N, C-alpha and C. Protein backbone atom coordinates (compact mmCIF):
# COMPACT_ATOMS: atom_id res chain seq x y z
N MET A 1 4.39 27.70 17.04
CA MET A 1 3.61 26.85 17.81
C MET A 1 3.88 25.69 17.08
N LYS A 2 3.51 25.50 16.47
CA LYS A 2 3.46 24.29 15.18
C LYS A 2 4.62 23.73 15.57
N GLU A 3 5.74 24.09 15.40
CA GLU A 3 6.79 23.27 15.62
C GLU A 3 6.97 22.48 16.67
N LYS A 4 6.66 23.43 18.02
CA LYS A 4 7.19 23.27 19.59
C LYS A 4 6.24 21.82 19.40
N ILE A 5 5.04 22.04 19.06
CA ILE A 5 4.18 20.96 19.02
C ILE A 5 4.57 19.77 18.80
N PHE A 6 5.28 19.60 17.20
CA PHE A 6 5.38 18.85 17.00
C PHE A 6 6.43 18.22 17.78
N LEU A 7 7.53 18.74 17.82
CA LEU A 7 8.95 18.30 18.72
C LEU A 7 8.27 17.59 19.89
N LYS A 8 7.30 18.06 20.51
CA LYS A 8 6.58 17.83 21.95
C LYS A 8 5.92 16.44 21.81
N LEU A 9 5.22 16.08 20.69
CA LEU A 9 4.51 14.94 19.95
C LEU A 9 5.88 13.92 19.93
N LYS A 10 6.59 14.40 19.23
CA LYS A 10 7.42 13.26 18.72
C LYS A 10 8.00 12.51 19.69
N ALA A 11 8.28 13.56 20.50
CA ALA A 11 9.31 12.90 22.01
C ALA A 11 8.45 12.27 22.57
N ALA A 12 6.69 12.73 23.09
CA ALA A 12 5.98 11.70 23.49
C ALA A 12 5.79 10.09 23.07
N VAL A 13 5.92 10.07 21.63
CA VAL A 13 5.71 8.89 21.34
C VAL A 13 7.11 8.32 20.61
N SER A 14 7.84 9.08 20.75
CA SER A 14 9.80 7.90 20.57
C SER A 14 9.68 6.81 21.57
N ASP A 15 10.67 6.46 20.86
CA ASP A 15 10.77 5.10 21.96
C ASP A 15 12.09 5.02 22.64
N GLY A 16 12.97 6.36 22.40
CA GLY A 16 13.99 7.00 23.10
C GLY A 16 14.84 6.34 22.82
N LYS A 17 15.28 5.46 22.02
CA LYS A 17 16.97 4.94 21.62
C LYS A 17 16.81 5.31 20.31
N ASN A 18 16.07 5.16 19.22
CA ASN A 18 16.74 5.29 17.64
C ASN A 18 15.76 6.28 16.85
N GLY A 19 15.00 6.93 17.97
CA GLY A 19 14.39 8.03 17.35
C GLY A 19 12.78 7.34 16.69
N LEU A 20 12.36 6.49 16.74
CA LEU A 20 11.69 5.55 16.15
C LEU A 20 10.05 6.21 16.79
N THR A 21 9.17 6.52 16.15
CA THR A 21 8.06 6.71 17.23
C THR A 21 7.31 5.34 16.35
N SER A 22 6.01 5.53 17.98
CA SER A 22 4.72 5.10 16.95
C SER A 22 3.49 5.51 16.17
N ILE A 23 3.63 6.18 15.76
CA ILE A 23 3.07 7.21 14.98
C ILE A 23 4.05 7.84 13.95
N ALA A 24 3.43 7.87 12.58
CA ALA A 24 4.21 8.05 11.52
C ALA A 24 4.08 9.65 11.63
N LYS A 25 5.09 10.20 10.48
CA LYS A 25 5.79 11.55 11.03
C LYS A 25 4.65 12.86 9.95
N LYS A 26 4.09 11.78 9.24
CA LYS A 26 2.59 12.74 8.32
C LYS A 26 1.74 13.23 9.62
N THR A 27 1.43 11.92 10.56
CA THR A 27 0.32 11.94 11.09
C THR A 27 0.44 12.93 12.45
N LEU A 28 2.24 13.13 12.55
CA LEU A 28 1.95 13.80 13.93
C LEU A 28 2.25 15.12 13.29
N GLU A 29 2.64 15.42 12.09
CA GLU A 29 2.67 17.09 11.33
C GLU A 29 1.32 17.39 11.23
N ALA A 30 -0.02 16.42 10.92
CA ALA A 30 -1.15 16.87 10.94
C ALA A 30 -1.70 17.27 12.14
N TYR A 31 -1.55 16.43 13.03
CA TYR A 31 -2.02 17.10 14.79
C TYR A 31 -1.60 18.17 15.39
N SER A 32 -0.16 18.67 14.91
CA SER A 32 0.40 19.71 15.25
C SER A 32 -0.37 21.34 14.41
N GLU A 33 -0.57 20.89 13.23
CA GLU A 33 -0.83 21.93 12.25
C GLU A 33 -2.43 22.13 13.12
N ILE A 34 -3.30 21.09 13.05
CA ILE A 34 -4.52 21.40 13.90
C ILE A 34 -3.94 21.86 15.09
N TYR A 35 -3.25 21.67 16.04
CA TYR A 35 -3.37 21.90 17.27
C TYR A 35 -2.16 23.32 17.41
N GLY A 36 -1.77 23.77 16.61
CA GLY A 36 -0.89 24.73 16.34
C GLY A 36 -1.83 26.30 15.97
N LYS A 37 -2.67 25.41 15.67
CA LYS A 37 -3.89 26.93 15.54
C LYS A 37 -4.56 27.36 16.21
N LYS A 38 -4.82 26.25 17.73
CA LYS A 38 -5.53 26.00 19.01
C LYS A 38 -5.22 26.18 19.81
N ILE A 39 -3.84 25.96 20.02
CA ILE A 39 -3.17 26.53 21.18
C ILE A 39 -2.14 27.64 20.86
N THR A 40 -2.74 28.71 22.00
CA THR A 40 -2.35 29.60 21.85
C THR A 40 -0.50 29.98 22.85
N ASP A 41 -0.62 29.34 24.25
CA ASP A 41 0.32 29.47 24.95
C ASP A 41 0.91 28.44 25.14
N GLU A 42 2.35 28.12 25.00
CA GLU A 42 3.22 27.32 25.49
C GLU A 42 3.09 26.50 26.70
N SER A 43 2.24 27.26 27.62
CA SER A 43 1.85 26.15 28.92
C SER A 43 0.88 25.34 28.60
N GLN A 44 -0.11 25.18 27.50
CA GLN A 44 -0.61 24.46 27.51
C GLN A 44 -0.47 22.82 26.41
N ILE A 45 0.68 23.37 25.77
CA ILE A 45 1.23 22.26 24.42
C ILE A 45 1.25 20.85 25.58
N ASP A 46 2.38 20.45 26.67
CA ASP A 46 2.37 19.43 27.33
C ASP A 46 0.50 18.92 27.60
N THR A 47 0.04 19.50 28.38
CA THR A 47 -1.38 19.09 28.48
C THR A 47 -2.08 18.62 27.11
N GLU A 48 -1.71 19.62 26.06
CA GLU A 48 -2.73 19.38 24.81
C GLU A 48 -2.08 17.75 24.12
N VAL A 49 -0.71 17.96 24.28
CA VAL A 49 0.26 16.78 23.99
C VAL A 49 -0.43 15.25 24.65
N GLU A 50 -0.55 15.27 25.66
CA GLU A 50 -0.88 13.84 26.16
C GLU A 50 -2.34 13.72 25.88
N SER A 51 -3.35 14.43 25.44
CA SER A 51 -4.31 14.03 24.89
C SER A 51 -4.18 14.11 24.08
N ILE A 52 -3.95 14.34 22.77
CA ILE A 52 -3.73 14.10 21.58
C ILE A 52 -2.69 12.26 21.38
N VAL A 53 -1.72 12.33 22.13
CA VAL A 53 -0.84 10.42 22.24
C VAL A 53 -2.11 9.54 22.98
N SER A 54 -3.24 10.08 23.93
CA SER A 54 -4.14 9.23 24.16
C SER A 54 -5.24 8.95 23.38
N MET A 55 -5.69 9.64 22.45
CA MET A 55 -7.25 9.82 21.94
C MET A 55 -6.33 9.06 20.59
N HIS A 56 -5.17 9.25 20.16
CA HIS A 56 -4.10 8.64 19.01
C HIS A 56 -4.25 6.80 19.18
N LYS A 57 -3.85 6.86 20.69
CA LYS A 57 -3.63 5.37 21.02
C LYS A 57 -5.15 4.52 21.56
N LYS A 58 -6.28 5.10 21.28
CA LYS A 58 -7.81 4.87 21.41
C LYS A 58 -7.93 4.37 19.79
N VAL A 59 -7.77 5.38 19.38
CA VAL A 59 -8.29 5.18 17.67
C VAL A 59 -7.38 4.50 17.00
N GLN A 60 -6.20 4.01 17.52
CA GLN A 60 -4.67 3.31 16.52
C GLN A 60 -5.95 1.59 17.57
N ALA A 61 -6.06 1.92 18.50
CA ALA A 61 -6.43 0.49 19.45
C ALA A 61 -8.02 -0.11 18.54
N ASN A 62 -8.61 0.86 18.28
CA ASN A 62 -9.76 0.49 17.46
C ASN A 62 -9.51 -0.05 15.83
N ILE A 63 -8.90 0.60 15.57
CA ILE A 63 -8.29 0.25 14.04
C ILE A 63 -7.82 -1.25 13.90
N ASN A 64 -6.86 -1.39 14.69
CA ASN A 64 -6.41 -3.18 15.25
C ASN A 64 -7.27 -3.69 15.52
N SER A 65 -8.54 -3.52 16.11
CA SER A 65 -9.47 -4.20 16.31
C SER A 65 -10.33 -4.70 15.60
N VAL A 66 -10.44 -4.13 14.47
CA VAL A 66 -11.14 -3.87 13.18
C VAL A 66 -10.43 -4.58 12.34
N SER A 67 -8.97 -4.61 12.63
CA SER A 67 -8.00 -4.94 11.15
C SER A 67 -8.16 -6.63 11.71
N ALA A 68 -8.06 -6.94 13.17
CA ALA A 68 -8.15 -8.28 13.17
C ALA A 68 -9.35 -9.09 12.70
N LYS A 69 -10.45 -9.04 13.10
CA LYS A 69 -11.88 -9.29 13.00
C LYS A 69 -11.58 -9.31 11.61
N ALA A 70 -11.07 -8.34 10.88
CA ALA A 70 -11.13 -8.69 9.34
C ALA A 70 -10.73 -9.77 8.50
N VAL A 71 -9.32 -10.26 9.37
CA VAL A 71 -8.38 -11.09 9.06
C VAL A 71 -9.15 -12.37 9.73
N SER A 72 -9.43 -12.10 10.71
CA SER A 72 -10.01 -13.50 11.36
C SER A 72 -11.38 -13.79 10.46
N ASP A 73 -11.73 -13.09 9.98
CA ASP A 73 -13.05 -13.42 9.10
C ASP A 73 -12.76 -13.95 7.94
N ARG A 74 -11.81 -12.93 7.31
CA ARG A 74 -11.27 -13.95 5.69
C ARG A 74 -10.92 -15.15 6.17
N GLU A 75 -10.10 -15.31 7.30
CA GLU A 75 -9.43 -16.73 7.44
C GLU A 75 -10.42 -17.94 7.68
N LYS A 76 -11.67 -17.52 8.43
CA LYS A 76 -12.70 -18.72 8.37
C LYS A 76 -13.24 -18.54 6.75
N ALA A 77 -13.32 -17.85 6.14
CA ALA A 77 -14.08 -17.94 5.09
C ALA A 77 -12.99 -19.03 4.00
N LEU A 78 -11.78 -18.57 3.97
CA LEU A 78 -10.67 -18.88 3.25
C LEU A 78 -10.39 -20.68 3.67
N LYS A 79 -10.93 -21.05 4.96
CA LYS A 79 -10.72 -22.07 5.52
C LYS A 79 -12.15 -22.99 5.46
N ALA A 80 -13.61 -22.18 5.18
CA ALA A 80 -14.48 -23.10 4.95
C ALA A 80 -14.26 -23.64 3.57
N GLU A 81 -13.71 -22.70 2.14
CA GLU A 81 -13.73 -22.71 0.69
C GLU A 81 -12.69 -24.18 1.05
N HIS A 82 -11.39 -23.98 1.40
CA HIS A 82 -10.43 -24.97 1.52
C HIS A 82 -11.31 -26.60 1.73
N GLU A 83 -12.02 -26.32 3.17
CA GLU A 83 -12.87 -27.63 3.66
C GLU A 83 -13.20 -28.38 2.56
N LYS A 84 -14.01 -27.25 1.72
CA LYS A 84 -15.22 -27.65 0.65
C LYS A 84 -14.30 -28.30 -0.39
N ALA A 85 -13.62 -27.71 -0.83
CA ALA A 85 -12.74 -28.21 -1.61
C ALA A 85 -11.71 -29.44 -1.85
N ILE A 86 -11.28 -29.64 -0.44
CA ILE A 86 -10.70 -31.50 0.09
C ILE A 86 -11.64 -32.30 0.64
N GLU A 87 -13.17 -31.90 0.57
CA GLU A 87 -14.31 -32.83 0.45
C GLU A 87 -14.92 -32.98 -0.88
N VAL A 88 -14.42 -32.39 -1.90
CA VAL A 88 -14.95 -32.54 -3.38
C VAL A 88 -13.83 -33.62 -4.05
N LEU A 89 -12.69 -33.26 -3.47
CA LEU A 89 -11.50 -34.17 -3.86
C LEU A 89 -11.68 -35.67 -3.26
N LYS A 90 -11.95 -35.72 -2.12
CA LYS A 90 -12.31 -37.00 -1.29
C LYS A 90 -13.09 -38.30 -2.09
N ASN A 91 -14.15 -36.70 -2.58
CA ASN A 91 -15.00 -38.10 -3.06
C ASN A 91 -15.89 -37.16 -4.49
N PRO A 92 -15.31 -37.48 -5.40
CA PRO A 92 -15.35 -37.33 -6.79
C PRO A 92 -17.10 -38.08 -7.25
N GLN A 93 -17.64 -36.71 -7.74
CA GLN A 93 -18.75 -37.33 -8.29
C GLN A 93 -19.08 -38.04 -9.11
N LYS A 94 -19.48 -39.24 -9.56
CA LYS A 94 -19.56 -40.50 -10.12
C LYS A 94 -19.51 -39.77 -11.64
N GLU A 95 -19.03 -40.64 -12.62
CA GLU A 95 -19.78 -40.38 -13.96
C GLU A 95 -20.21 -40.50 -14.13
N ASP A 96 -20.78 -39.82 -15.52
CA ASP A 96 -21.97 -39.83 -16.27
C ASP A 96 -22.49 -41.52 -16.31
N GLU A 97 -24.03 -42.40 -16.31
CA GLU A 97 -24.16 -43.54 -16.53
C GLU A 97 -24.23 -43.38 -17.73
N PRO A 98 -24.37 -44.75 -18.19
CA PRO A 98 -24.65 -45.00 -19.90
C PRO A 98 -26.43 -44.72 -19.48
N GLY A 99 -27.19 -44.24 -20.74
CA GLY A 99 -28.06 -43.47 -20.41
C GLY A 99 -28.77 -42.38 -20.12
N ASP A 100 -27.69 -41.73 -19.64
CA ASP A 100 -27.87 -40.52 -18.48
C ASP A 100 -27.86 -39.22 -19.97
N ILE A 101 -28.90 -38.59 -19.52
CA ILE A 101 -29.24 -36.95 -20.78
C ILE A 101 -27.86 -36.86 -21.35
N HIS A 102 -26.86 -36.57 -20.71
CA HIS A 102 -25.77 -35.91 -21.19
C HIS A 102 -24.97 -36.65 -22.26
N THR A 103 -25.36 -38.04 -22.10
CA THR A 103 -24.73 -39.42 -22.90
C THR A 103 -25.22 -39.79 -23.96
N GLN A 104 -26.26 -39.68 -23.82
CA GLN A 104 -27.54 -39.98 -24.86
C GLN A 104 -27.48 -39.44 -26.63
N LYS A 105 -27.31 -40.24 -27.58
CA LYS A 105 -27.45 -39.56 -28.79
C LYS A 105 -28.71 -39.63 -29.33
N ILE A 106 -28.79 -38.31 -29.75
CA ILE A 106 -30.21 -37.87 -30.20
C ILE A 106 -30.38 -38.22 -31.85
């Protein structure tokens, strides 16, 4: 049953041309392993495959959203750091004035 589920899953997420899938082979194998224990009749396979693909797409969309936000947040942080560094370069601090505590002889 596991192999039949795997093949149906692979066909459901295949691009139809090159046999490329939108889900990694190991993930398809994991789904097949889990659902192979649950599905007892071949007539259940198509319905379960549809639900697996639907669930996977929703999870993947959530992962993509979280990843995009993390990248965006990191870009904002880097931009702020770079703007601060540019500002420092444009306006360097004055050198120590004579009599300043750092230049006085003791």
